[in-house]
Each structure stands twice: as structure tokens, then as C-alpha cells.
Amino acid sequence: MLSRLEPMRKFVHVLRRHQQAVVALIDTRGINRVVRMVNNRASDYRNLDAFSDMIYLAAGDLDLPEQIPERFRTL
């Protein structure tokens, strides 16, 4: 908004008005990218639950070695 260029000021004003929609679009595209990546890794899943589990596994911040009990760890 400190710019002396009127088109820049107008752009910032529009961006601020639609900030929530822009953030939602960025988040959605990020999720779509993860889904495409998981789908390309393995082209055939036995059911939808297995596919959704792989999406959650790829998109989440799950630390798998931390989830395995100490007595079952081999490394």
C-alpha cells in the first residue's frame, strides 16, 4: 500500500479482500499435488481405504520410527 503506483495499490487491495480464498486455493493445490504423487507411485490400490491411507501418510507429519514400540525396532 506504500507504493506510488496505483495498479500495485489496487492489486494489494484486491489481494487483501480475497485473502482467505487465495490461501484456500494454495492449500487445495498442495493437497492435489500430494494426491497425484501418491497415485503415480502405485497405479493400483485394492480399495479406496488403502489409497486414502497412503494420502494421509504422504501428507501428514507422521514420524513412523517414533510410532514403533522400542522392543520391535531393529535399527
PDB file of N, CA and C in Angstrom:
ATOM      1  N   MET A   1       0.818  -1.198   0.000  1.00  0.00           N
ATOM      2  CA  MET A   1       0.000   0.000   0.000  1.00  0.00           C
ATOM      3  C   MET A   1       0.861   1.261   0.000  1.00  0.00           C
ATOM      4  N   LEU A   2       2.145   1.114   0.268  1.00  0.00           N
ATOM      5  CA  LEU A   2       3.025   2.275   0.286  1.00  0.00           C
ATOM      6  C   LEU A   2       3.552   2.648  -1.093  1.00  0.00           C
ATOM      7  N   SER A   3       3.255   1.816  -2.081  1.00  0.00           N
ATOM      8  CA  SER A   3       3.723   2.077  -3.430  1.00  0.00           C
ATOM      9  C   SER A   3       3.017   3.304  -4.010  1.00  0.00           C
ATOM     10  N   ARG A   4       3.726   4.025  -4.843  1.00  0.00           N
ATOM     11  CA  ARG A   4       3.120   5.170  -5.520  1.00  0.00           C
ATOM     12  C   ARG A   4       2.430   4.750  -6.807  1.00  0.00           C
ATOM     13  N   LEU A   5       2.604   3.503  -7.187  1.00  0.00           N
ATOM     14  CA  LEU A   5       1.967   3.006  -8.404  1.00  0.00           C
ATOM     15  C   LEU A   5       0.536   2.572  -8.089  1.00  0.00           C
ATOM     16  N   GLU A   6      -0.395   3.183  -8.753  1.00  0.00           N
ATOM     17  CA  GLU A   6      -1.811   2.887  -8.498  1.00  0.00           C
ATOM     18  C   GLU A   6      -2.181   1.436  -8.809  1.00  0.00           C
ATOM     19  N   PRO A   7      -1.683   0.807  -9.894  1.00  0.00           N
ATOM     20  CA  PRO A   7      -2.016  -0.604 -10.139  1.00  0.00           C
ATOM     21  C   PRO A   7      -1.540  -1.525  -9.010  1.00  0.00           C
ATOM     22  N   MET A   8      -0.391  -1.243  -8.426  1.00  0.00           N
ATOM     23  CA  MET A   8       0.098  -2.055  -7.309  1.00  0.00           C
ATOM     24  C   MET A   8      -0.800  -1.895  -6.088  1.00  0.00           C
ATOM     25  N   ARG A   9      -1.221  -0.692  -5.816  1.00  0.00           N
ATOM     26  CA  ARG A   9      -2.107  -0.439  -4.663  1.00  0.00           C
ATOM     27  C   ARG A   9      -3.443  -1.146  -4.860  1.00  0.00           C
ATOM     28  N   LYS A  10      -3.949  -1.105  -6.082  1.00  0.00           N
ATOM     29  CA  LYS A  10      -5.215  -1.775  -6.392  1.00  0.00           C
ATOM     30  C   LYS A  10      -5.068  -3.287  -6.222  1.00  0.00           C
ATOM     31  N   PHE A  11      -3.931  -3.842  -6.704  1.00  0.00           N
ATOM     32  CA  PHE A  11      -3.677  -5.270  -6.577  1.00  0.00           C
ATOM     33  C   PHE A  11      -3.626  -5.695  -5.109  1.00  0.00           C
ATOM     34  N   VAL A  12      -2.927  -4.942  -4.278  1.00  0.00           N
ATOM     35  CA  VAL A  12      -2.833  -5.258  -2.845  1.00  0.00           C
ATOM     36  C   VAL A  12      -4.201  -5.174  -2.189  1.00  0.00           C
ATOM     37  N   HIS A  13      -4.986  -4.197  -2.579  1.00  0.00           N
ATOM     38  CA  HIS A  13      -6.333  -4.059  -2.017  1.00  0.00           C
ATOM     39  C   HIS A  13      -7.194  -5.277  -2.367  1.00  0.00           C
ATOM     40  N   VAL A  14      -7.149  -5.712  -3.625  1.00  0.00           N
ATOM     41  CA  VAL A  14      -7.911  -6.887  -4.051  1.00  0.00           C
ATOM     42  C   VAL A  14      -7.400  -8.139  -3.338  1.00  0.00           C
ATOM     43  N   LEU A  15      -6.092  -8.264  -3.218  1.00  0.00           N
ATOM     44  CA  LEU A  15      -5.500  -9.420  -2.546  1.00  0.00           C
ATOM     45  C   LEU A  15      -5.923  -9.481  -1.081  1.00  0.00           C
ATOM     46  N   ARG A  16      -5.948  -8.371  -0.411  1.00  0.00           N
ATOM     47  CA  ARG A  16      -6.381  -8.350   0.992  1.00  0.00           C
ATOM     48  C   ARG A  16      -7.859  -8.701   1.135  1.00  0.00           C
ATOM     49  N   ARG A  17      -8.662  -8.242   0.177  1.00  0.00           N
ATOM     50  CA  ARG A  17     -10.100  -8.551   0.233  1.00  0.00           C
ATOM     51  C   ARG A  17     -10.362 -10.042   0.074  1.00  0.00           C
ATOM     52  N   HIS A  18      -9.545 -10.719  -0.738  1.00  0.00           N
ATOM     53  CA  HIS A  18      -9.763 -12.129  -1.054  1.00  0.00           C
ATOM     54  C   HIS A  18      -8.696 -13.028  -0.422  1.00  0.00           C
ATOM     55  N   GLN A  19      -8.129 -12.614   0.673  1.00  0.00           N
ATOM     56  CA  GLN A  19      -7.017 -13.343   1.280  1.00  0.00           C
ATOM     57  C   GLN A  19      -7.397 -14.781   1.648  1.00  0.00           C
ATOM     58  N   GLN A  20      -8.551 -14.987   2.240  1.00  0.00           N
ATOM     59  CA  GLN A  20      -8.957 -16.337   2.651  1.00  0.00           C
ATOM     60  C   GLN A  20      -9.124 -17.256   1.453  1.00  0.00           C
ATOM     61  N   ALA A  21      -9.680 -16.752   0.377  1.00  0.00           N
ATOM     62  CA  ALA A  21      -9.859 -17.572  -0.825  1.00  0.00           C
ATOM     63  C   ALA A  21      -8.523 -17.928  -1.454  1.00  0.00           C
ATOM     64  N   VAL A  22      -7.577 -17.005  -1.435  1.00  0.00           N
ATOM     65  CA  VAL A  22      -6.252 -17.271  -2.009  1.00  0.00           C
ATOM     66  C   VAL A  22      -5.538 -18.342  -1.194  1.00  0.00           C
ATOM     67  N   VAL A  23      -5.597 -18.235   0.124  1.00  0.00           N
ATOM     68  CA  VAL A  23      -4.957 -19.230   0.985  1.00  0.00           C
ATOM     69  C   VAL A  23      -5.609 -20.598   0.792  1.00  0.00           C
ATOM     70  N   ALA A  24      -6.927 -20.641   0.685  1.00  0.00           N
ATOM     71  CA  ALA A  24      -7.626 -21.912   0.460  1.00  0.00           C
ATOM     72  C   ALA A  24      -7.219 -22.531  -0.872  1.00  0.00           C
ATOM     73  N   LEU A  25      -7.061 -21.721  -1.893  1.00  0.00           N
ATOM     74  CA  LEU A  25      -6.645 -22.234  -3.199  1.00  0.00           C
ATOM     75  C   LEU A  25      -5.239 -22.820  -3.133  1.00  0.00           C
ATOM     76  N   ILE A  26      -4.345 -22.147  -2.453  1.00  0.00           N
ATOM     77  CA  ILE A  26      -2.980 -22.649  -2.325  1.00  0.00           C
ATOM     78  C   ILE A  26      -2.975 -23.968  -1.565  1.00  0.00           C
ATOM     79  N   ASP A  27      -3.736 -24.061  -0.478  1.00  0.00           N
ATOM     80  CA  ASP A  27      -3.820 -25.310   0.277  1.00  0.00           C
ATOM     81  C   ASP A  27      -4.397 -26.432  -0.567  1.00  0.00           C
ATOM     82  N   THR A  28      -5.440 -26.152  -1.332  1.00  0.00           N
ATOM     83  CA  THR A  28      -6.075 -27.165  -2.164  1.00  0.00           C
ATOM     84  C   THR A  28      -5.113 -27.683  -3.218  1.00  0.00           C
ATOM     85  N   ARG A  29      -4.370 -26.785  -3.840  1.00  0.00           N
ATOM     86  CA  ARG A  29      -3.420 -27.229  -4.859  1.00  0.00           C
ATOM     87  C   ARG A  29      -2.315 -28.068  -4.237  1.00  0.00           C
ATOM     88  N   GLY A  30      -1.939 -27.765  -3.002  1.00  0.00           N
ATOM     89  CA  GLY A  30      -0.937 -28.575  -2.322  1.00  0.00           C
ATOM     90  C   GLY A  30      -1.441 -29.981  -2.079  1.00  0.00           C
ATOM     91  N   ILE A  31      -2.701 -30.103  -1.674  1.00  0.00           N
ATOM     92  CA  ILE A  31      -3.295 -31.422  -1.439  1.00  0.00           C
ATOM     93  C   ILE A  31      -3.429 -32.177  -2.754  1.00  0.00           C
ATOM     94  N   ASN A  32      -3.840 -31.487  -3.813  1.00  0.00           N
ATOM     95  CA  ASN A  32      -3.962 -32.147  -5.116  1.00  0.00           C
ATOM     96  C   ASN A  32      -2.619 -32.681  -5.584  1.00  0.00           C
ATOM     97  N   ARG A  33      -1.562 -31.938  -5.326  1.00  0.00           N
ATOM     98  CA  ARG A  33      -0.226 -32.388  -5.712  1.00  0.00           C
ATOM     99  C   ARG A  33       0.148 -33.656  -4.969  1.00  0.00           C
ATOM    100  N   VAL A  34      -0.187 -33.731  -3.690  1.00  0.00           N
ATOM    101  CA  VAL A  34       0.116 -34.927  -2.894  1.00  0.00           C
ATOM    102  C   VAL A  34      -0.685 -36.115  -3.405  1.00  0.00           C
ATOM    103  N   VAL A  35      -1.951 -35.901  -3.721  1.00  0.00           N
ATOM    104  CA  VAL A  35      -2.792 -36.995  -4.228  1.00  0.00           C
ATOM    105  C   VAL A  35      -2.251 -37.515  -5.557  1.00  0.00           C
ATOM    106  N   ARG A  36      -1.859 -36.610  -6.456  1.00  0.00           N
ATOM    107  CA  ARG A  36      -1.288 -37.049  -7.736  1.00  0.00           C
ATOM    108  C   ARG A  36       0.017 -37.805  -7.526  1.00  0.00           C
ATOM    109  N   MET A  37       0.844 -37.344  -6.582  1.00  0.00           N
ATOM    110  CA  MET A  37       2.107 -38.005  -6.312  1.00  0.00           C
ATOM    111  C   MET A  37       1.874 -39.423  -5.794  1.00  0.00           C
ATOM    112  N   VAL A  38       0.927 -39.588  -4.872  1.00  0.00           N
ATOM    113  CA  VAL A  38       0.608 -40.911  -4.337  1.00  0.00           C
ATOM    114  C   VAL A  38       0.026 -41.798  -5.424  1.00  0.00           C
ATOM    115  N   ASN A  39      -0.824 -41.253  -6.262  1.00  0.00           N
ATOM    116  CA  ASN A  39      -1.431 -42.031  -7.334  1.00  0.00           C
ATOM    117  C   ASN A  39      -0.389 -42.488  -8.349  1.00  0.00           C
ATOM    118  N   ASN A  40       0.615 -41.672  -8.610  1.00  0.00           N
ATOM    119  CA  ASN A  40       1.652 -42.048  -9.566  1.00  0.00           C
ATOM    120  C   ASN A  40       2.607 -43.087  -9.001  1.00  0.00           C
ATOM    121  N   ARG A  41       2.781 -43.116  -7.691  1.00  0.00           N
ATOM    122  CA  ARG A  41       3.677 -44.107  -7.084  1.00  0.00           C
ATOM    123  C   ARG A  41       3.194 -45.525  -7.336  1.00  0.00           C
ATOM    124  N   ALA A  42       1.941 -45.748  -7.102  1.00  0.00           N
ATOM    125  CA  ALA A  42       1.367 -47.079  -7.309  1.00  0.00           C
ATOM    126  C   ALA A  42       0.042 -46.884  -8.035  1.00  0.00           C
ATOM    127  N   SER A  43      -0.081 -47.484  -9.178  1.00  0.00           N
ATOM    128  CA  SER A  43      -1.251 -47.214 -10.006  1.00  0.00           C
ATOM    129  C   SER A  43      -2.490 -48.008  -9.606  1.00  0.00           C
ATOM    130  N   ASP A  44      -2.329 -49.034  -8.775  1.00  0.00           N
ATOM    131  CA  ASP A  44      -3.487 -49.861  -8.450  1.00  0.00           C
ATOM    132  C   ASP A  44      -3.555 -50.110  -6.952  1.00  0.00           C
ATOM    133  N   TYR A  45      -4.633 -49.672  -6.344  1.00  0.00           N
ATOM    134  CA  TYR A  45      -4.891 -49.939  -4.934  1.00  0.00           C
ATOM    135  C   TYR A  45      -6.079 -50.882  -4.852  1.00  0.00           C
ATOM    136  N   ARG A  46      -6.064 -51.742  -3.859  1.00  0.00           N
ATOM    137  CA  ARG A  46      -7.148 -52.725  -3.756  1.00  0.00           C
ATOM    138  C   ARG A  46      -8.481 -52.096  -3.403  1.00  0.00           C
ATOM    139  N   ASN A  47      -8.428 -51.030  -2.615  1.00  0.00           N
ATOM    140  CA  ASN A  47      -9.667 -50.346  -2.271  1.00  0.00           C
ATOM    141  C   ASN A  47      -9.376 -48.872  -1.982  1.00  0.00           C
ATOM    142  N   LEU A  48     -10.431 -48.119  -1.798  1.00  0.00           N
ATOM    143  CA  LEU A  48     -10.304 -46.687  -1.566  1.00  0.00           C
ATOM    144  C   LEU A  48      -9.659 -46.393  -0.215  1.00  0.00           C
ATOM    145  N   ASP A  49      -9.882 -47.266   0.769  1.00  0.00           N
ATOM    146  CA  ASP A  49      -9.278 -47.057   2.087  1.00  0.00           C
ATOM    147  C   ASP A  49      -7.753 -47.107   2.018  1.00  0.00           C
ATOM    148  N   ALA A  50      -7.206 -48.031   1.248  1.00  0.00           N
ATOM    149  CA  ALA A  50      -5.756 -48.119   1.108  1.00  0.00           C
ATOM    150  C   ALA A  50      -5.205 -46.868   0.429  1.00  0.00           C
ATOM    151  N   PHE A  51      -5.917 -46.365  -0.569  1.00  0.00           N
ATOM    152  CA  PHE A  51      -5.493 -45.151  -1.260  1.00  0.00           C
ATOM    153  C   PHE A  51      -5.531 -43.947  -0.321  1.00  0.00           C
ATOM    154  N   SER A  52      -6.611 -43.811   0.447  1.00  0.00           N
ATOM    155  CA  SER A  52      -6.703 -42.675   1.372  1.00  0.00           C
ATOM    156  C   SER A  52      -5.674 -42.787   2.490  1.00  0.00           C
ATOM    157  N   ASP A  53      -5.366 -44.001   2.936  1.00  0.00           N
ATOM    158  CA  ASP A  53      -4.316 -44.172   3.947  1.00  0.00           C
ATOM    159  C   ASP A  53      -2.966 -43.706   3.423  1.00  0.00           C
ATOM    160  N   MET A  54      -2.672 -44.004   2.162  1.00  0.00           N
ATOM    161  CA  MET A  54      -1.409 -43.561   1.577  1.00  0.00           C
ATOM    162  C   MET A  54      -1.362 -42.038   1.438  1.00  0.00           C
ATOM    163  N   ILE A  55      -2.491 -41.427   1.142  1.00  0.00           N
ATOM    164  CA  ILE A  55      -2.546 -39.964   1.053  1.00  0.00           C
ATOM    165  C   ILE A  55      -2.273 -39.352   2.414  1.00  0.00           C
ATOM    166  N   TYR A  56      -2.924 -39.881   3.460  1.00  0.00           N
ATOM    167  CA  TYR A  56      -2.684 -39.361   4.810  1.00  0.00           C
ATOM    168  C   TYR A  56      -1.232 -39.575   5.228  1.00  0.00           C
ATOM    169  N   LEU A  57      -0.661 -40.692   4.856  1.00  0.00           N
ATOM    170  CA  LEU A  57       0.719 -40.986   5.208  1.00  0.00           C
ATOM    171  C   LEU A  57       1.675 -40.023   4.500  1.00  0.00           C
ATOM    172  N   ALA A  58       1.402 -39.714   3.234  1.00  0.00           N
ATOM    173  CA  ALA A  58       2.275 -38.818   2.479  1.00  0.00           C
ATOM    174  C   ALA A  58       2.099 -37.359   2.893  1.00  0.00           C
ATOM    175  N   ALA A  59       0.881 -36.963   3.229  1.00  0.00           N
ATOM    176  CA  ALA A  59       0.605 -35.559   3.537  1.00  0.00           C
ATOM    177  C   ALA A  59       0.856 -35.216   4.994  1.00  0.00           C
ATOM    178  N   GLY A  60       0.790 -36.198   5.859  1.00  0.00           N
ATOM    179  CA  GLY A  60       0.925 -35.921   7.280  1.00  0.00           C
ATOM    180  C   GLY A  60       2.361 -35.812   7.727  1.00  0.00           C
ATOM    181  N   ASP A  61       2.530 -35.308   8.922  1.00  0.00           N
ATOM    182  CA  ASP A  61       3.855 -35.198   9.525  1.00  0.00           C
ATOM    183  C   ASP A  61       4.076 -36.352  10.488  1.00  0.00           C
ATOM    184  N   LEU A  62       3.776 -37.535  10.056  1.00  0.00           N
ATOM    185  CA  LEU A  62       3.876 -38.709  10.907  1.00  0.00           C
ATOM    186  C   LEU A  62       5.306 -39.220  10.906  1.00  0.00           C
ATOM    187  N   ASP A  63       5.853 -39.403  12.086  1.00  0.00           N
ATOM    188  CA  ASP A  63       7.199 -39.941  12.238  1.00  0.00           C
ATOM    189  C   ASP A  63       7.052 -41.431  12.531  1.00  0.00           C
ATOM    190  N   LEU A  64       7.156 -42.260  11.481  1.00  0.00           N
ATOM    191  CA  LEU A  64       6.912 -43.691  11.628  1.00  0.00           C
ATOM    192  C   LEU A  64       7.844 -44.378  12.619  1.00  0.00           C
ATOM    193  N   PRO A  65       9.158 -44.142  12.590  1.00  0.00           N
ATOM    194  CA  PRO A  65      10.007 -44.816  13.574  1.00  0.00           C
ATOM    195  C   PRO A  65       9.610 -44.489  15.019  1.00  0.00           C
ATOM    196  N   GLU A  66       9.095 -43.312  15.238  1.00  0.00           N
ATOM    197  CA  GLU A  66       8.661 -42.929  16.584  1.00  0.00           C
ATOM    198  C   GLU A  66       7.419 -43.720  17.009  1.00  0.00           C
ATOM    199  N   GLN A  67       6.603 -44.148  16.062  1.00  0.00           N
ATOM    200  CA  GLN A  67       5.363 -44.863  16.367  1.00  0.00           C
ATOM    201  C   GLN A  67       5.595 -46.345  16.667  1.00  0.00           C
ATOM    202  N   ILE A  68       6.748 -46.875  16.296  1.00  0.00           N
ATOM    203  CA  ILE A  68       7.046 -48.287  16.528  1.00  0.00           C
ATOM    204  C   ILE A  68       7.580 -48.437  17.958  1.00  0.00           C
ATOM    205  N   PRO A  69       7.000 -49.350  18.734  1.00  0.00           N
ATOM    206  CA  PRO A  69       7.497 -49.544  20.110  1.00  0.00           C
ATOM    207  C   PRO A  69       8.988 -49.938  20.111  1.00  0.00           C
ATOM    208  N   GLU A  70       9.667 -49.533  21.130  1.00  0.00           N
ATOM    209  CA  GLU A  70      11.115 -49.725  21.238  1.00  0.00           C
ATOM    210  C   GLU A  70      11.510 -51.192  21.098  1.00  0.00           C
ATOM    211  N   ARG A  71      10.733 -52.093  21.653  1.00  0.00           N
ATOM    212  CA  ARG A  71      11.111 -53.517  21.622  1.00  0.00           C
ATOM    213  C   ARG A  71      11.018 -54.141  20.232  1.00  0.00           C
ATOM    214  N   PHE A  72      10.276 -53.494  19.316  1.00  0.00           N
ATOM    215  CA  PHE A  72      10.137 -54.039  17.961  1.00  0.00           C
ATOM    216  C   PHE A  72      11.086 -53.376  16.961  1.00  0.00           C
ATOM    217  N   ARG A  73      11.800 -52.350  17.365  1.00  0.00           N
ATOM    218  CA  ARG A  73      12.725 -51.659  16.455  1.00  0.00           C
ATOM    219  C   ARG A  73      13.938 -52.527  16.195  1.00  0.00           C
ATOM    220  N   THR A  74      14.370 -52.519  14.943  1.00  0.00           N
ATOM    221  CA  THR A  74      15.540 -53.318  14.587  1.00  0.00           C
ATOM    222  C   THR A  74      16.760 -52.447  14.357  1.00  0.00           C
ATOM    223  N   LEU A  75      16.582 -51.169  14.166  1.00  0.00           N
ATOM    224  CA  LEU A  75      17.716 -50.277  13.907  1.00  0.00           C
ATOM    225  C   LEU A  75      18.100 -49.510  15.135  1.00  0.00           C
TER     226      LEU A  75
END
